[in-house]
Amino acid sequence: MPAAIQVHVEEPFLASVSAEWLSTVAEVTLKVEGHQTGELALVVTDDESVRALNLSYLGIDAPTDVLSFGGESPDFVDPPATDVYLGDVVIAYPQAKKQALTAGHPIEAELTLLVVHGVLHLLGYDHVRPEDKMVMWEQQRVILDQLGLAHVQPT
C-alpha cells in the first residue's frame, strides 16, 4: 500500500500552492528514505498559526518556516495498523515566500525544500548538532536532486 499523504492548504494560499506537487514531494522523500508506506499530513498556513504552534509546543514566541510533529502509533489497534502515522508538517506560506525571495528562487522551490525538511524530521533527522545537520542537509540535497531542484540549498 503506498503512502497516504493528506495536504491542506488554507484559503489565502490555494491559488499559489499545488497540493498535488507537495504530496509528490513528500512521497519522493519517503521513497528515498525507504518508507513505501505511512501516513502524514501537510498543512500550508499563515505566520500567526505557525507562531502559535511554535509557542505552544516549543515555547518559542516567533514565526518559523516549518514545524514537524511526529505521530504516535495508536496502542489500541490490534493487530497494529499497516500504515504508521508519521505525523504532521506545518508550513508558514508567508515565511516561505520571504525565504524564497531572499534565496532568489521561486516559492515552489522553497515549499519543496520545506516539505523535504519537515518529512525528514518526521523520519528522525535533526540538525541541532553540526554533525547531524551535515547528514540532514546532505539527504535534503539528494532528495532535491531527484526532484530536479539540486540548485536549491537549505539555509
Protein backbone atom coordinates (compact mmCIF):
# COMPACT_ATOMS: atom_id res chain seq x y z
CA MET A 1 0.00 0.00 0.00
CA PRO A 2 1.54 3.38 -0.97
CA ALA A 3 2.00 6.22 1.46
CA ALA A 4 -1.13 8.17 2.36
CA ILE A 5 -0.45 11.88 2.26
CA GLN A 6 -3.09 14.46 3.06
CA VAL A 7 -2.49 18.06 2.05
CA HIS A 8 -4.43 21.00 3.44
CA VAL A 9 -3.76 24.45 2.01
CA GLU A 10 -5.56 27.30 3.73
CA GLU A 11 -7.76 29.59 1.63
CA PRO A 12 -5.45 32.59 1.16
CA PHE A 13 -2.78 30.36 -0.40
CA LEU A 14 -4.86 27.98 -2.54
CA ALA A 15 -4.12 29.78 -5.80
CA SER A 16 -0.38 29.82 -5.10
CA VAL A 17 0.22 26.26 -3.91
CA SER A 18 -0.03 22.95 -5.75
CA ALA A 19 -1.26 20.42 -3.21
CA GLU A 20 -0.55 17.68 -5.76
CA TRP A 21 3.11 18.75 -6.05
CA LEU A 22 3.57 18.89 -2.27
CA SER A 23 2.13 15.38 -1.98
CA THR A 24 4.55 14.19 -4.66
CA VAL A 25 7.47 15.78 -2.81
CA ALA A 26 6.52 14.01 0.42
CA GLU A 27 6.09 10.72 -1.43
CA VAL A 28 9.52 11.01 -3.09
CA THR A 29 11.10 11.85 0.27
CA LEU A 30 9.54 8.78 1.86
CA LYS A 31 10.64 6.54 -1.03
CA VAL A 32 14.22 7.80 -0.94
CA GLU A 33 14.24 7.03 2.78
CA GLY A 34 12.88 3.52 2.22
CA HIS A 35 9.38 4.22 3.55
CA GLN A 36 6.98 2.88 0.97
CA THR A 37 4.06 3.16 3.36
CA GLY A 38 3.00 5.52 6.10
CA GLU A 39 0.61 8.39 6.62
CA LEU A 40 1.29 12.05 7.10
CA ALA A 41 -0.39 15.42 6.75
CA LEU A 42 0.99 18.57 5.16
CA VAL A 43 -0.55 21.91 6.11
CA VAL A 44 0.18 25.26 4.49
CA THR A 45 -0.99 28.12 6.67
CA ASP A 46 -0.15 31.65 7.82
CA ASP A 47 2.64 33.00 10.02
CA GLU A 48 0.36 33.60 13.01
CA SER A 49 -0.86 30.00 13.11
CA VAL A 50 2.69 28.67 12.95
CA ARG A 51 3.82 31.19 15.57
CA ALA A 52 1.05 29.97 17.90
CA LEU A 53 2.07 26.34 17.38
CA ASN A 54 5.73 27.25 17.92
CA LEU A 55 4.81 28.91 21.22
CA SER A 56 2.51 26.12 22.38
CA TYR A 57 4.78 23.21 21.57
CA LEU A 58 8.30 24.62 21.66
CA GLY A 59 7.93 27.67 23.90
CA ILE A 60 9.22 29.96 21.14
CA ASP A 61 7.09 33.05 20.54
CA ALA A 62 8.13 33.67 16.94
CA PRO A 63 7.08 32.59 13.48
CA THR A 64 9.15 29.97 11.70
CA ASP A 65 9.06 28.40 8.26
CA VAL A 66 8.20 24.77 9.07
CA LEU A 67 7.27 22.67 12.08
CA SER A 68 7.09 18.88 12.25
CA PHE A 69 5.00 17.00 14.77
CA GLY A 70 5.76 13.30 14.93
CA GLY A 71 2.81 10.97 15.10
CA GLU A 72 2.34 8.18 17.55
CA SER A 73 1.13 4.78 16.59
CA PRO A 74 -2.11 4.13 18.48
CA ASP A 75 -1.67 1.38 21.08
CA PHE A 76 -5.32 0.34 20.94
CA VAL A 77 -5.00 -1.09 17.43
CA ASP A 78 -4.73 -4.88 17.42
CA PRO A 79 -3.19 -6.01 15.17
CA PRO A 80 -1.09 -2.90 14.51
CA ALA A 81 -2.11 -0.77 11.55
CA THR A 82 -0.18 -1.47 8.35
CA ASP A 83 0.40 2.25 7.83
CA VAL A 84 2.17 4.11 10.57
CA TYR A 85 1.05 7.66 11.19
CA LEU A 86 4.29 9.59 10.78
CA GLY A 87 2.92 12.98 11.79
CA ASP A 88 2.22 16.48 10.52
CA VAL A 89 4.31 19.05 8.68
CA VAL A 90 3.06 22.63 9.03
CA ILE A 91 4.47 25.32 6.72
CA ALA A 92 4.07 29.09 7.06
CA TYR A 93 3.49 30.30 3.50
CA PRO A 94 4.43 33.97 4.15
CA GLN A 95 7.70 32.93 5.77
CA ALA A 96 8.43 30.56 2.88
CA LYS A 97 7.75 33.36 0.41
CA LYS A 98 10.20 35.68 2.20
CA GLN A 99 12.86 33.00 2.21
CA ALA A 100 12.33 32.28 -1.49
CA LEU A 101 12.80 35.96 -2.32
CA THR A 102 15.96 36.13 -0.21
CA ALA A 103 17.35 32.96 -1.79
CA GLY A 104 16.40 34.08 -5.30
CA HIS A 105 14.33 31.07 -6.26
CA PRO A 106 10.59 30.52 -6.84
CA ILE A 107 8.23 29.95 -3.92
CA GLU A 108 7.55 26.44 -5.26
CA ALA A 109 11.21 25.55 -4.76
CA GLU A 110 11.14 26.86 -1.18
CA LEU A 111 7.95 24.95 -0.40
CA THR A 112 9.58 21.83 -1.86
CA LEU A 113 12.60 22.28 0.40
CA LEU A 114 10.38 22.81 3.44
CA VAL A 115 8.33 19.67 2.74
CA VAL A 116 11.51 17.60 2.33
CA HIS A 117 12.93 19.14 5.52
CA GLY A 118 9.74 18.55 7.50
CA VAL A 119 9.30 14.96 6.36
CA LEU A 120 12.94 14.18 7.19
CA HIS A 121 12.26 15.46 10.72
CA LEU A 122 9.31 13.05 10.95
CA LEU A 123 11.68 10.26 9.98
CA GLY A 124 14.10 11.11 12.78
CA TYR A 125 16.57 13.52 11.20
CA ASP A 126 17.65 16.56 13.20
CA HIS A 127 20.09 19.42 12.87
CA VAL A 128 20.83 20.51 16.44
CA ARG A 129 24.40 19.18 16.39
CA PRO A 130 26.71 20.15 13.49
CA GLU A 131 27.35 16.52 12.54
CA ASP A 132 23.60 15.81 12.42
CA LYS A 133 22.99 18.94 10.36
CA MET A 134 25.61 17.82 7.84
CA VAL A 135 23.84 14.45 7.44
CA MET A 136 20.38 16.02 7.15
CA TRP A 137 21.49 18.69 4.67
CA GLU A 138 23.15 16.04 2.50
CA GLN A 139 19.99 13.96 2.49
CA GLN A 140 17.94 17.03 1.56
CA ARG A 141 20.37 17.63 -1.32
CA VAL A 142 19.95 14.05 -2.55
CA ILE A 143 16.14 14.32 -2.49
CA LEU A 144 16.05 17.78 -4.07
CA ASP A 145 18.34 16.49 -6.82
CA GLN A 146 15.85 13.67 -7.52
CA LEU A 147 13.11 16.31 -7.75
CA GLY A 148 15.16 18.34 -10.26
CA LEU A 149 15.97 21.07 -7.75
CA ALA A 150 19.64 20.43 -6.97
CA HIS A 151 20.25 24.18 -7.12
CA VAL A 152 18.00 24.82 -4.08
CA GLN A 153 20.15 25.00 -0.96
CA PRO A 154 18.88 24.95 2.62
CA THR A 155 19.84 27.94 4.73
